[in-house]
Amino acid sequence: MRHERECRIPASPSRLVASMLLLIMGIGVLSACKPRIVLPREGIFDSKTWLAVTVPFAALRDNPEDHAQVKTLLRRGTVLPIRETKIQGGSTNMGLAWYRVDSQGITGWVSSSEVQAFSSEWQARKAAAGLE
């Protein structure tokens, strides 16, 4: 009959502590190596390219003026890309922005007092979903 002996090296407390520290440090290093996506903070580019209608009905006008003829009405929650922006100055509408948009084949201007502008389509759609 043959007997085999298992040979073990007794673990000293200092060896155990060193092994545990290496294991913890290895886990820390691996968790720090996760890929991260860093998005730019809003406002860096400061370009608003999408809008969402925030009032029940926003007037789509011929020109960027309060008294311009209304071509059609845009319903609350409508999301559209902005084609052009004009800032109107004056005593009654100081710094009012007008956005040129296309809606169902009709091009016109909508006032910033009736919509909210966003940097991305996703932001505009998220805001519009909260309005309905």
C-alpha atoms as a PDB file:
ATOM      1  CA  MET A   1       0.000   0.000   0.000  1.00  0.00           C
ATOM      2  CA  ARG A   2       1.316   3.334  -0.962  1.00  0.00           C
ATOM      3  CA  HIS A   3       0.762   6.468   1.072  1.00  0.00           C
ATOM      4  CA  GLU A   4       1.142   9.908  -0.355  1.00  0.00           C
ATOM      5  CA  ARG A   5       1.733  12.847   1.807  1.00  0.00           C
ATOM      6  CA  GLU A   6       0.368  16.229   1.033  1.00  0.00           C
ATOM      7  CA  CYS A   7       2.978  18.867   1.476  1.00  0.00           C
ATOM      8  CA  ARG A   8       1.689  22.176   2.768  1.00  0.00           C
ATOM      9  CA  ILE A   9       3.619  25.257   3.545  1.00  0.00           C
ATOM     10  CA  PRO A  10       2.237  26.698   6.734  1.00  0.00           C
ATOM     11  CA  ALA A  11       0.750  30.116   6.173  1.00  0.00           C
ATOM     12  CA  SER A  12       2.231  32.700   8.426  1.00  0.00           C
ATOM     13  CA  PRO A  13       0.076  35.676   9.491  1.00  0.00           C
ATOM     14  CA  SER A  14       2.315  38.099   7.626  1.00  0.00           C
ATOM     15  CA  ARG A  15       2.023  36.040   4.414  1.00  0.00           C
ATOM     16  CA  LEU A  16      -1.784  36.004   4.747  1.00  0.00           C
ATOM     17  CA  VAL A  17      -1.924  39.748   5.284  1.00  0.00           C
ATOM     18  CA  ALA A  18       0.341  40.367   2.302  1.00  0.00           C
ATOM     19  CA  SER A  19      -1.818  38.114   0.101  1.00  0.00           C
ATOM     20  CA  MET A  20      -5.000  39.861   1.201  1.00  0.00           C
ATOM     21  CA  LEU A  21      -3.488  43.288   0.521  1.00  0.00           C
ATOM     22  CA  LEU A  22      -2.404  42.202  -2.970  1.00  0.00           C
ATOM     23  CA  LEU A  23      -5.893  40.851  -3.660  1.00  0.00           C
ATOM     24  CA  ILE A  24      -7.575  44.067  -2.490  1.00  0.00           C
ATOM     25  CA  MET A  25      -5.159  46.232  -4.463  1.00  0.00           C
ATOM     26  CA  GLY A  26      -5.711  44.077  -7.571  1.00  0.00           C
ATOM     27  CA  ILE A  27      -9.476  44.488  -7.299  1.00  0.00           C
ATOM     28  CA  GLY A  28      -9.057  48.246  -6.823  1.00  0.00           C
ATOM     29  CA  VAL A  29      -6.845  48.535  -9.889  1.00  0.00           C
ATOM     30  CA  LEU A  30      -9.239  46.478 -12.020  1.00  0.00           C
ATOM     31  CA  SER A  31     -12.277  48.483 -10.947  1.00  0.00           C
ATOM     32  CA  ALA A  32     -10.451  51.731 -11.744  1.00  0.00           C
ATOM     33  CA  CYS A  33      -9.802  50.506 -15.287  1.00  0.00           C
ATOM     34  CA  LYS A  34     -13.429  50.494 -16.366  1.00  0.00           C
ATOM     35  CA  PRO A  35     -13.983  52.461 -19.575  1.00  0.00           C
ATOM     36  CA  ARG A  36     -15.664  55.765 -18.937  1.00  0.00           C
ATOM     37  CA  ILE A  37     -17.416  58.074 -21.339  1.00  0.00           C
ATOM     38  CA  VAL A  38     -17.109  61.735 -20.477  1.00  0.00           C
ATOM     39  CA  LEU A  39     -19.781  63.912 -22.032  1.00  0.00           C
ATOM     40  CA  PRO A  40     -19.294  67.649 -22.404  1.00  0.00           C
ATOM     41  CA  ARG A  41     -21.135  69.820 -19.943  1.00  0.00           C
ATOM     42  CA  GLU A  42     -24.187  71.525 -21.370  1.00  0.00           C
ATOM     43  CA  GLY A  43     -23.454  75.047 -22.443  1.00  0.00           C
ATOM     44  CA  ILE A  44     -19.964  74.394 -23.803  1.00  0.00           C
ATOM     45  CA  PHE A  45     -21.169  74.662 -27.380  1.00  0.00           C
ATOM     46  CA  ASP A  46     -24.217  76.724 -26.439  1.00  0.00           C
ATOM     47  CA  SER A  47     -26.032  75.824 -29.631  1.00  0.00           C
ATOM     48  CA  LYS A  48     -29.667  74.990 -29.300  1.00  0.00           C
ATOM     49  CA  THR A  49     -30.679  72.873 -32.241  1.00  0.00           C
ATOM     50  CA  TRP A  50     -34.036  71.385 -31.169  1.00  0.00           C
ATOM     51  CA  LEU A  51     -37.166  72.787 -29.614  1.00  0.00           C
ATOM     52  CA  ALA A  52     -40.238  71.486 -27.842  1.00  0.00           C
ATOM     53  CA  VAL A  53     -43.554  73.379 -27.798  1.00  0.00           C
ATOM     54  CA  THR A  54     -44.443  74.168 -24.163  1.00  0.00           C
ATOM     55  CA  VAL A  55     -47.798  75.977 -24.539  1.00  0.00           C
ATOM     56  CA  PRO A  56     -51.066  74.328 -25.654  1.00  0.00           C
ATOM     57  CA  PHE A  57     -50.754  75.882 -29.145  1.00  0.00           C
ATOM     58  CA  ALA A  58     -47.794  77.849 -30.515  1.00  0.00           C
ATOM     59  CA  ALA A  59     -48.235  80.086 -33.569  1.00  0.00           C
ATOM     60  CA  LEU A  60     -46.015  79.326 -36.557  1.00  0.00           C
ATOM     61  CA  ARG A  61     -45.710  82.735 -38.243  1.00  0.00           C
ATOM     62  CA  ASP A  62     -44.622  84.086 -41.637  1.00  0.00           C
ATOM     63  CA  ASN A  63     -41.939  86.342 -40.115  1.00  0.00           C
ATOM     64  CA  PRO A  64     -40.170  86.615 -36.757  1.00  0.00           C
ATOM     65  CA  GLU A  65     -42.604  89.274 -35.465  1.00  0.00           C
ATOM     66  CA  ASP A  66     -45.483  89.226 -32.971  1.00  0.00           C
ATOM     67  CA  HIS A  67     -47.959  90.604 -35.527  1.00  0.00           C
ATOM     68  CA  ALA A  68     -46.925  88.439 -38.493  1.00  0.00           C
ATOM     69  CA  GLN A  69     -49.557  86.237 -40.107  1.00  0.00           C
ATOM     70  CA  VAL A  70     -50.068  82.824 -38.482  1.00  0.00           C
ATOM     71  CA  LYS A  71     -49.530  79.961 -40.931  1.00  0.00           C
ATOM     72  CA  THR A  72     -50.479  77.114 -38.597  1.00  0.00           C
ATOM     73  CA  LEU A  73     -50.497  76.108 -34.935  1.00  0.00           C
ATOM     74  CA  LEU A  74     -48.077  73.703 -33.283  1.00  0.00           C
ATOM     75  CA  ARG A  75     -49.402  71.489 -30.482  1.00  0.00           C
ATOM     76  CA  ARG A  76     -47.792  71.164 -27.041  1.00  0.00           C
ATOM     77  CA  GLY A  77     -45.142  68.442 -27.030  1.00  0.00           C
ATOM     78  CA  THR A  78     -44.218  68.901 -30.697  1.00  0.00           C
ATOM     79  CA  VAL A  79     -40.445  68.471 -31.183  1.00  0.00           C
ATOM     80  CA  LEU A  80     -38.775  70.090 -34.196  1.00  0.00           C
ATOM     81  CA  PRO A  81     -35.230  70.848 -35.379  1.00  0.00           C
ATOM     82  CA  ILE A  82     -34.304  74.548 -35.379  1.00  0.00           C
ATOM     83  CA  ARG A  83     -33.222  75.804 -38.834  1.00  0.00           C
ATOM     84  CA  GLU A  84     -32.342  79.386 -37.865  1.00  0.00           C
ATOM     85  CA  THR A  85     -32.432  81.674 -34.825  1.00  0.00           C
ATOM     86  CA  LYS A  86     -33.019  85.448 -34.730  1.00  0.00           C
ATOM     87  CA  ILE A  87     -32.891  87.635 -31.641  1.00  0.00           C
ATOM     88  CA  GLN A  88     -35.341  90.551 -31.618  1.00  0.00           C
ATOM     89  CA  GLY A  89     -34.609  93.599 -29.480  1.00  0.00           C
ATOM     90  CA  GLY A  90     -36.919  96.390 -28.516  1.00  0.00           C
ATOM     91  CA  SER A  91     -38.831  97.826 -25.609  1.00  0.00           C
ATOM     92  CA  THR A  92     -41.624  95.231 -25.538  1.00  0.00           C
ATOM     93  CA  ASN A  93     -39.708  92.065 -26.396  1.00  0.00           C
ATOM     94  CA  MET A  94     -36.152  92.646 -25.181  1.00  0.00           C
ATOM     95  CA  GLY A  95     -33.958  89.795 -26.403  1.00  0.00           C
ATOM     96  CA  LEU A  96     -36.832  87.601 -27.584  1.00  0.00           C
ATOM     97  CA  ALA A  97     -35.590  84.734 -29.772  1.00  0.00           C
ATOM     98  CA  TRP A  98     -37.435  83.490 -32.837  1.00  0.00           C
ATOM     99  CA  TYR A  99     -36.807  80.054 -34.292  1.00  0.00           C
ATOM    100  CA  ARG A 100     -37.352  79.110 -37.933  1.00  0.00           C
ATOM    101  CA  VAL A 101     -38.693  75.575 -38.182  1.00  0.00           C
ATOM    102  CA  ASP A 102     -40.351  73.260 -40.692  1.00  0.00           C
ATOM    103  CA  SER A 103     -43.532  71.467 -39.647  1.00  0.00           C
ATOM    104  CA  GLN A 104     -45.329  69.129 -42.050  1.00  0.00           C
ATOM    105  CA  GLY A 105     -43.975  70.974 -45.064  1.00  0.00           C
ATOM    106  CA  ILE A 106     -44.736  74.452 -43.676  1.00  0.00           C
ATOM    107  CA  THR A 107     -41.810  76.721 -42.835  1.00  0.00           C
ATOM    108  CA  GLY A 108     -42.262  79.539 -40.363  1.00  0.00           C
ATOM    109  CA  TRP A 109     -41.122  81.252 -37.184  1.00  0.00           C
ATOM    110  CA  VAL A 110     -42.074  80.448 -33.591  1.00  0.00           C
ATOM    111  CA  SER A 111     -41.399  82.645 -30.556  1.00  0.00           C
ATOM    112  CA  SER A 112     -39.127  81.493 -27.724  1.00  0.00           C
ATOM    113  CA  SER A 113     -41.935  82.486 -25.338  1.00  0.00           C
ATOM    114  CA  GLU A 114     -43.932  79.477 -26.608  1.00  0.00           C
ATOM    115  CA  VAL A 115     -41.195  76.863 -26.830  1.00  0.00           C
ATOM    116  CA  GLN A 116     -38.072  75.676 -25.064  1.00  0.00           C
ATOM    117  CA  ALA A 117     -34.828  75.110 -26.990  1.00  0.00           C
ATOM    118  CA  PHE A 118     -32.432  72.225 -26.357  1.00  0.00           C
ATOM    119  CA  SER A 119     -28.971  71.102 -27.449  1.00  0.00           C
ATOM    120  CA  SER A 120     -30.127  67.649 -28.546  1.00  0.00           C
ATOM    121  CA  GLU A 121     -33.166  65.886 -29.896  1.00  0.00           C
ATOM    122  CA  TRP A 122     -33.061  63.496 -26.926  1.00  0.00           C
ATOM    123  CA  GLN A 123     -33.333  66.385 -24.433  1.00  0.00           C
ATOM    124  CA  ALA A 124     -36.215  67.941 -26.372  1.00  0.00           C
ATOM    125  CA  ARG A 125     -38.106  64.640 -26.565  1.00  0.00           C
ATOM    126  CA  LYS A 126     -37.563  63.950 -22.865  1.00  0.00           C
ATOM    127  CA  ALA A 127     -38.927  67.409 -21.971  1.00  0.00           C
ATOM    128  CA  ALA A 128     -41.855  67.020 -24.367  1.00  0.00           C
ATOM    129  CA  ALA A 129     -42.795  63.673 -22.807  1.00  0.00           C
ATOM    130  CA  GLY A 130     -43.068  65.426 -19.439  1.00  0.00           C
ATOM    131  CA  LEU A 131     -45.475  68.027 -20.877  1.00  0.00           C
ATOM    132  CA  GLU A 132     -48.143  65.620 -22.070  1.00  0.00           C
END
